[in-house]
Amino acid sequence: MNIFEKRIYDAPSSADGQRILVDRLWPRGIKKQDANITAWPKEITPSNELRKWYHEDIEQRWEAFRERYLTELAQYASQREQLQQLALTETITFVTAAKNQGHNHVTVLIEWLKVAD
């Protein structure tokens, strides 16, 4: 699978392939026409409640956030299958405004997609 993560504030590139925004809210300071977004599946982003809870204490809540987000994602089997199929034939770049690479929802989302059923 060709799945990558990129900040929305970094310039789009032809190497990005399908640019999929995976934030619940539109990123500040970015014009929609400049973002070059292919899709924006809000349903697979962390719920507002989970997102707000996690941001209160990112350092201490990472593992609990990861588990809670995977639980939320469990209800989206069809979206998972669609993204897995897409990643087999095309490059996918999940774009996000998240600053903390490695400890954000995109990391969990990629993990969820790469695990076999």
C-alpha atoms as a PDB file:
ATOM      1  CA  MET A   1       0.000   0.000   0.000  1.00  0.00           C
ATOM      2  CA  ASN A   2       1.198   3.451  -0.897  1.00  0.00           C
ATOM      3  CA  ILE A   3      -0.151   5.594   1.926  1.00  0.00           C
ATOM      4  CA  PHE A   4       1.586   8.731   3.118  1.00  0.00           C
ATOM      5  CA  GLU A   5       0.972  11.600   5.525  1.00  0.00           C
ATOM      6  CA  LYS A   6       1.539  15.259   4.757  1.00  0.00           C
ATOM      7  CA  ARG A   7       0.682  18.543   6.400  1.00  0.00           C
ATOM      8  CA  ILE A   8      -1.881  20.533   4.476  1.00  0.00           C
ATOM      9  CA  TYR A   9       0.377  23.562   4.842  1.00  0.00           C
ATOM     10  CA  ASP A  10       3.030  21.884   2.670  1.00  0.00           C
ATOM     11  CA  ALA A  11       2.700  22.488  -1.056  1.00  0.00           C
ATOM     12  CA  PRO A  12       0.785  19.874  -3.060  1.00  0.00           C
ATOM     13  CA  SER A  13       2.897  17.672  -5.299  1.00  0.00           C
ATOM     14  CA  SER A  14       2.098  15.383  -8.210  1.00  0.00           C
ATOM     15  CA  ALA A  15       3.744  12.606  -6.144  1.00  0.00           C
ATOM     16  CA  ASP A  16       0.933  12.953  -3.560  1.00  0.00           C
ATOM     17  CA  GLY A  17      -1.518  11.034  -5.721  1.00  0.00           C
ATOM     18  CA  GLN A  18      -4.991  11.143  -4.164  1.00  0.00           C
ATOM     19  CA  ARG A  19      -4.909  13.904  -1.534  1.00  0.00           C
ATOM     20  CA  ILE A  20      -7.448  13.025   1.146  1.00  0.00           C
ATOM     21  CA  LEU A  21      -8.137  15.497   3.945  1.00  0.00           C
ATOM     22  CA  VAL A  22      -8.567  13.627   7.211  1.00  0.00           C
ATOM     23  CA  ASP A  23      -9.392  16.464   9.595  1.00  0.00           C
ATOM     24  CA  ARG A  24     -12.906  17.037  10.912  1.00  0.00           C
ATOM     25  CA  LEU A  25     -12.532  20.815  10.521  1.00  0.00           C
ATOM     26  CA  TRP A  26     -11.221  22.694   7.497  1.00  0.00           C
ATOM     27  CA  PRO A  27      -7.648  23.874   8.252  1.00  0.00           C
ATOM     28  CA  ARG A  28      -7.175  27.538   9.047  1.00  0.00           C
ATOM     29  CA  GLY A  29      -5.582  29.733   6.438  1.00  0.00           C
ATOM     30  CA  ILE A  30      -6.012  27.281   3.556  1.00  0.00           C
ATOM     31  CA  LYS A  31      -8.190  28.147   0.581  1.00  0.00           C
ATOM     32  CA  LYS A  32     -10.144  25.185  -0.738  1.00  0.00           C
ATOM     33  CA  GLN A  33      -9.082  25.891  -4.310  1.00  0.00           C
ATOM     34  CA  ASP A  34      -5.391  25.793  -3.260  1.00  0.00           C
ATOM     35  CA  ALA A  35      -5.549  22.564  -1.242  1.00  0.00           C
ATOM     36  CA  ASN A  36      -5.927  20.195  -4.216  1.00  0.00           C
ATOM     37  CA  ILE A  37      -8.051  17.801  -2.137  1.00  0.00           C
ATOM     38  CA  THR A  38      -9.522  14.711  -3.812  1.00  0.00           C
ATOM     39  CA  ALA A  39     -11.821  13.737  -0.931  1.00  0.00           C
ATOM     40  CA  TRP A  40     -12.781  14.789   2.582  1.00  0.00           C
ATOM     41  CA  PRO A  41     -14.313  11.792   4.403  1.00  0.00           C
ATOM     42  CA  LYS A  42     -15.224  13.435   7.706  1.00  0.00           C
ATOM     43  CA  GLU A  43     -16.837  10.260   9.014  1.00  0.00           C
ATOM     44  CA  ILE A  44     -13.453   8.526   9.426  1.00  0.00           C
ATOM     45  CA  THR A  45     -11.904  11.427  11.324  1.00  0.00           C
ATOM     46  CA  PRO A  46     -11.947  11.451  15.130  1.00  0.00           C
ATOM     47  CA  SER A  47     -15.263  12.591  16.583  1.00  0.00           C
ATOM     48  CA  ASN A  48     -15.392  16.142  17.936  1.00  0.00           C
ATOM     49  CA  GLU A  49     -15.587  14.786  21.482  1.00  0.00           C
ATOM     50  CA  LEU A  50     -12.541  12.545  21.040  1.00  0.00           C
ATOM     51  CA  ARG A  51     -10.561  15.248  19.252  1.00  0.00           C
ATOM     52  CA  LYS A  52     -11.224  17.821  21.995  1.00  0.00           C
ATOM     53  CA  TRP A  53     -10.492  15.329  24.785  1.00  0.00           C
ATOM     54  CA  TYR A  54      -7.158  14.329  23.216  1.00  0.00           C
ATOM     55  CA  HIS A  55      -5.998  17.907  22.690  1.00  0.00           C
ATOM     56  CA  GLU A  56      -6.412  18.672  26.395  1.00  0.00           C
ATOM     57  CA  ASP A  57      -3.362  16.504  27.171  1.00  0.00           C
ATOM     58  CA  ILE A  58      -1.731  15.058  24.062  1.00  0.00           C
ATOM     59  CA  GLU A  59       1.358  13.757  25.869  1.00  0.00           C
ATOM     60  CA  GLN A  60      -0.508  11.699  28.461  1.00  0.00           C
ATOM     61  CA  ARG A  61      -3.485  10.556  26.392  1.00  0.00           C
ATOM     62  CA  TRP A  62      -1.846   9.122  23.263  1.00  0.00           C
ATOM     63  CA  GLU A  63      -2.428   5.409  23.982  1.00  0.00           C
ATOM     64  CA  ALA A  64      -5.991   5.953  25.218  1.00  0.00           C
ATOM     65  CA  PHE A  65      -6.710   8.163  22.198  1.00  0.00           C
ATOM     66  CA  ARG A  66      -5.366   5.488  19.855  1.00  0.00           C
ATOM     67  CA  GLU A  67      -7.633   2.829  21.365  1.00  0.00           C
ATOM     68  CA  ARG A  68     -10.707   5.080  21.380  1.00  0.00           C
ATOM     69  CA  TYR A  69     -10.139   6.160  17.791  1.00  0.00           C
ATOM     70  CA  LEU A  70      -9.731   2.552  16.624  1.00  0.00           C
ATOM     71  CA  THR A  71     -13.042   1.805  18.358  1.00  0.00           C
ATOM     72  CA  GLU A  72     -14.688   4.670  16.444  1.00  0.00           C
ATOM     73  CA  LEU A  73     -13.171   3.468  13.168  1.00  0.00           C
ATOM     74  CA  ALA A  74     -14.540  -0.063  13.663  1.00  0.00           C
ATOM     75  CA  GLN A  75     -17.946   1.048  12.384  1.00  0.00           C
ATOM     76  CA  TYR A  76     -16.558   2.117   8.994  1.00  0.00           C
ATOM     77  CA  ALA A  77     -15.700  -1.199   7.348  1.00  0.00           C
ATOM     78  CA  SER A  78     -16.915  -0.158   3.901  1.00  0.00           C
ATOM     79  CA  GLN A  79     -14.833   3.049   3.909  1.00  0.00           C
ATOM     80  CA  ARG A  80     -11.844   1.015   5.071  1.00  0.00           C
ATOM     81  CA  GLU A  81     -12.257  -1.440   2.224  1.00  0.00           C
ATOM     82  CA  GLN A  82     -12.603   1.374  -0.326  1.00  0.00           C
ATOM     83  CA  LEU A  83      -9.429   3.076   0.899  1.00  0.00           C
ATOM     84  CA  GLN A  84      -7.524  -0.217   0.995  1.00  0.00           C
ATOM     85  CA  GLN A  85      -8.538  -0.962  -2.598  1.00  0.00           C
ATOM     86  CA  LEU A  86      -7.573   2.542  -3.697  1.00  0.00           C
ATOM     87  CA  ALA A  87      -4.174   2.220  -1.990  1.00  0.00           C
ATOM     88  CA  LEU A  88      -3.457  -0.943  -3.951  1.00  0.00           C
ATOM     89  CA  THR A  89      -3.632   0.890  -7.264  1.00  0.00           C
ATOM     90  CA  GLU A  90      -2.823   4.510  -6.441  1.00  0.00           C
ATOM     91  CA  THR A  91      -0.797   6.588  -4.055  1.00  0.00           C
ATOM     92  CA  ILE A  92      -2.815   8.081  -1.209  1.00  0.00           C
ATOM     93  CA  THR A  93      -1.623  11.036   0.824  1.00  0.00           C
ATOM     94  CA  PHE A  94      -3.611  11.812   3.936  1.00  0.00           C
ATOM     95  CA  VAL A  95      -3.359  15.532   4.539  1.00  0.00           C
ATOM     96  CA  THR A  96      -3.873  17.069   7.957  1.00  0.00           C
ATOM     97  CA  ALA A  97      -3.230  20.240   9.899  1.00  0.00           C
ATOM     98  CA  ALA A  98      -1.849  18.207  12.820  1.00  0.00           C
ATOM     99  CA  LYS A  99       1.580  19.385  13.934  1.00  0.00           C
ATOM    100  CA  ASN A 100       2.641  16.307  15.888  1.00  0.00           C
ATOM    101  CA  GLN A 101       3.616  13.744  13.285  1.00  0.00           C
ATOM    102  CA  GLY A 102       3.815  10.265  14.736  1.00  0.00           C
ATOM    103  CA  HIS A 103       1.304  10.907  17.512  1.00  0.00           C
ATOM    104  CA  ASN A 104      -1.792  12.018  15.665  1.00  0.00           C
ATOM    105  CA  HIS A 105      -4.930  10.505  14.229  1.00  0.00           C
ATOM    106  CA  VAL A 106      -3.344   9.948  10.796  1.00  0.00           C
ATOM    107  CA  THR A 107      -0.889   7.484  12.338  1.00  0.00           C
ATOM    108  CA  VAL A 108      -3.820   5.513  13.750  1.00  0.00           C
ATOM    109  CA  LEU A 109      -5.769   5.760  10.493  1.00  0.00           C
ATOM    110  CA  ILE A 110      -2.853   4.329   8.492  1.00  0.00           C
ATOM    111  CA  GLU A 111      -2.407   1.558  11.071  1.00  0.00           C
ATOM    112  CA  TRP A 112      -6.141   0.734  10.763  1.00  0.00           C
ATOM    113  CA  LEU A 113      -5.884   0.488   6.987  1.00  0.00           C
ATOM    114  CA  LYS A 114      -2.781  -1.713   6.991  1.00  0.00           C
ATOM    115  CA  VAL A 115      -4.145  -4.327   9.406  1.00  0.00           C
ATOM    116  CA  ALA A 116      -5.656  -7.299   7.605  1.00  0.00           C
ATOM    117  CA  ASP A 117      -9.159  -8.360   8.569  1.00  0.00           C
END
